[in-house]
């Protein structure tokens, strides 16, 4: 078992989780406007959705590996190309973080959980992202690929929950800090770009 690969995976997931995106911004806005309980409901829904995507990728990619190692190698290069594409999209995007809450209605906690879950499960880009990310971080020659994918999925969910939960709990302070430091948006944008490119290179090595 290669612990260094797992540590690299944790660092990559953490860096991606703290970078501004539709999910963590939605959690932040919910917490600012309605409170921590409502934001945490969204976080739980998002993490439950990640479990679904993990299962789909784990069984699907394991089938790839079982059938043809060349196909799996091609899959890793596809993953690297997709991550570079994501880096380019982030580069082209604005570095401003929008906290607009005007059109976000209050909802019961159960509905927010379902909304977070459906936001994640119905987004094919999440499965595509997992498909691009996970194959490059297989860390054991003795454990089955399916089990390794589930372990990586569990690590991804745990780290993301820690970050998103912290965003929900510290939303007010984070908003104040970001508004007082306009350059923080630029830093987080380039952090995301560097992480995407770094993972793409790591996958291909």
Foldseek 3Di string as FASTA:
>chain_A
DAVVLVVLLLVLLLLQLQFDDPQLLVLLLCCVPPRLLLSLLLLLLQLVLLLVLLQVLLVVLLVVVVPDVVSNLVLQLVLLVVLLVVLVVLVPDDLFRDSDDPPPDDDDSNVSSNVSNCVRNVDVVSSVNLSSQQSLRQGDPPDRSSVSSSVSSVSSSVSSSVSSSVCSVCSVVVVVVCVVPVCVSVVSSVSSSVSSNVSSVSSND
